[in-house]
Amino acid sequence: NKLKKQAKTWVGKKLFNEHLVQLQGENYWFTIDPVFDLQVGNDSEGGNTYNNTRGFVVQGGLGKKLNFYSSVFESQGRFADYVNRYSESLKAF
């Protein structure tokens, strides 16, 4: 309970304190949760940089002996200019 974020709306509770989707029966359980990560910065030449990752996590169990966990991520990024220049200077081998 100490780690829970104070959220009063349904969306706030689902994003911060609960699973987005949760199904549970006598011999099974499943959860699905979103994943978000946004990082913003500046390079040394004053340009903006960012890394934007989105995805979801699915986990569950069937019976007493089978459990699974799977995650899917997709990212976009804009990097510092010196990183872009270096990567463009590399030739395919």
Protein backbone atom coordinates (compact mmCIF):
# COMPACT_ATOMS: atom_id res chain seq x y z
CA ASN A 1 0.00 0.00 0.00
CA LYS A 2 2.93 2.36 0.57
CA LEU A 3 3.82 2.16 -3.13
CA LYS A 4 0.32 2.97 -4.40
CA LYS A 5 -0.21 6.34 -6.00
CA GLN A 6 -3.23 8.34 -4.87
CA ALA A 7 -5.65 8.11 -7.80
CA LYS A 8 -9.35 8.90 -7.70
CA THR A 9 -10.40 8.33 -11.31
CA TRP A 10 -10.88 4.94 -12.97
CA VAL A 11 -8.11 5.70 -15.50
CA GLY A 12 -5.71 6.78 -12.76
CA LYS A 13 -6.38 3.64 -10.74
CA LYS A 14 -5.93 1.38 -13.79
CA LEU A 15 -2.68 3.07 -14.90
CA PHE A 16 -1.00 3.34 -11.50
CA ASN A 17 -2.43 0.77 -9.07
CA GLU A 18 -4.26 -2.02 -10.89
CA HIS A 19 -3.93 -4.28 -13.92
CA LEU A 20 -5.61 -2.81 -16.99
CA VAL A 21 -7.28 -6.17 -17.72
CA GLN A 22 -7.50 -8.95 -15.14
CA LEU A 23 -9.34 -12.25 -15.58
CA GLN A 24 -9.35 -14.95 -12.94
CA GLY A 25 -11.16 -18.25 -12.62
CA GLU A 26 -10.79 -21.41 -10.60
CA ASN A 27 -7.84 -22.80 -12.62
CA TYR A 28 -6.57 -19.79 -14.58
CA TRP A 29 -5.58 -16.13 -14.36
CA PHE A 30 -4.53 -13.51 -16.95
CA THR A 31 -3.43 -9.88 -16.81
CA ILE A 32 -2.66 -7.31 -19.50
CA ASP A 33 -0.86 -4.05 -18.73
CA PRO A 34 0.38 -1.14 -20.87
CA VAL A 35 4.00 0.06 -20.80
CA PHE A 36 5.01 3.68 -21.45
CA ASP A 37 8.43 5.34 -21.27
CA LEU A 38 9.18 8.84 -22.56
CA GLN A 39 12.60 10.45 -22.21
CA VAL A 40 13.35 13.97 -23.47
CA GLY A 41 16.65 15.82 -23.58
CA ASN A 42 19.03 18.11 -25.50
CA ASP A 43 22.28 17.38 -27.28
CA SER A 44 25.41 19.51 -26.93
CA GLU A 45 24.53 21.47 -30.09
CA GLY A 46 21.11 22.54 -28.79
CA GLY A 47 18.98 20.00 -30.66
CA ASN A 48 16.18 18.09 -29.02
CA THR A 49 16.47 14.35 -28.37
CA TYR A 50 13.87 11.85 -27.26
CA ASN A 51 13.18 8.17 -26.76
CA ASN A 52 9.54 7.06 -26.84
CA THR A 53 8.76 3.43 -25.94
CA ARG A 54 5.31 1.86 -25.90
CA GLY A 55 4.18 -1.68 -25.35
CA PHE A 56 2.21 -4.13 -23.29
CA VAL A 57 2.79 -7.04 -20.94
CA VAL A 58 0.65 -10.18 -20.88
CA GLN A 59 1.00 -12.74 -18.11
CA GLY A 60 -1.07 -15.57 -16.81
CA GLY A 61 -1.33 -19.06 -15.49
CA LEU A 62 -3.22 -22.25 -16.32
CA GLY A 63 -3.60 -24.78 -13.57
CA LYS A 64 -0.90 -25.12 -10.93
CA LYS A 65 2.11 -25.82 -13.15
CA LEU A 66 1.92 -23.55 -16.23
CA ASN A 67 2.65 -19.83 -16.01
CA PHE A 68 3.72 -17.45 -18.79
CA TYR A 69 4.93 -13.92 -19.28
CA SER A 70 5.25 -12.04 -22.57
CA SER A 71 6.09 -8.45 -23.41
CA VAL A 72 6.00 -6.46 -26.66
CA PHE A 73 7.77 -3.12 -27.06
CA GLU A 74 8.07 -0.58 -29.89
CA SER A 75 10.35 2.45 -29.72
CA GLN A 76 11.01 5.66 -31.59
CA GLY A 77 13.92 7.93 -30.98
CA ARG A 78 15.74 11.04 -32.06
CA PHE A 79 19.35 10.99 -31.01
CA ALA A 80 22.12 13.54 -30.61
CA ASP A 81 23.56 14.70 -33.92
CA TYR A 82 27.00 13.18 -33.23
CA VAL A 83 25.36 9.74 -32.79
CA ASN A 84 23.50 10.12 -36.09
CA ARG A 85 26.69 11.20 -37.92
CA TYR A 86 28.58 8.21 -36.53
CA SER A 87 25.88 5.70 -37.47
CA GLU A 88 25.64 7.13 -41.00
CA SER A 89 29.44 6.87 -41.39
CA LEU A 90 29.37 3.09 -40.85
CA LYS A 91 29.30 1.07 -44.05
CA ALA A 92 27.58 -2.27 -44.47
CA PHE A 93 30.12 -5.08 -44.37
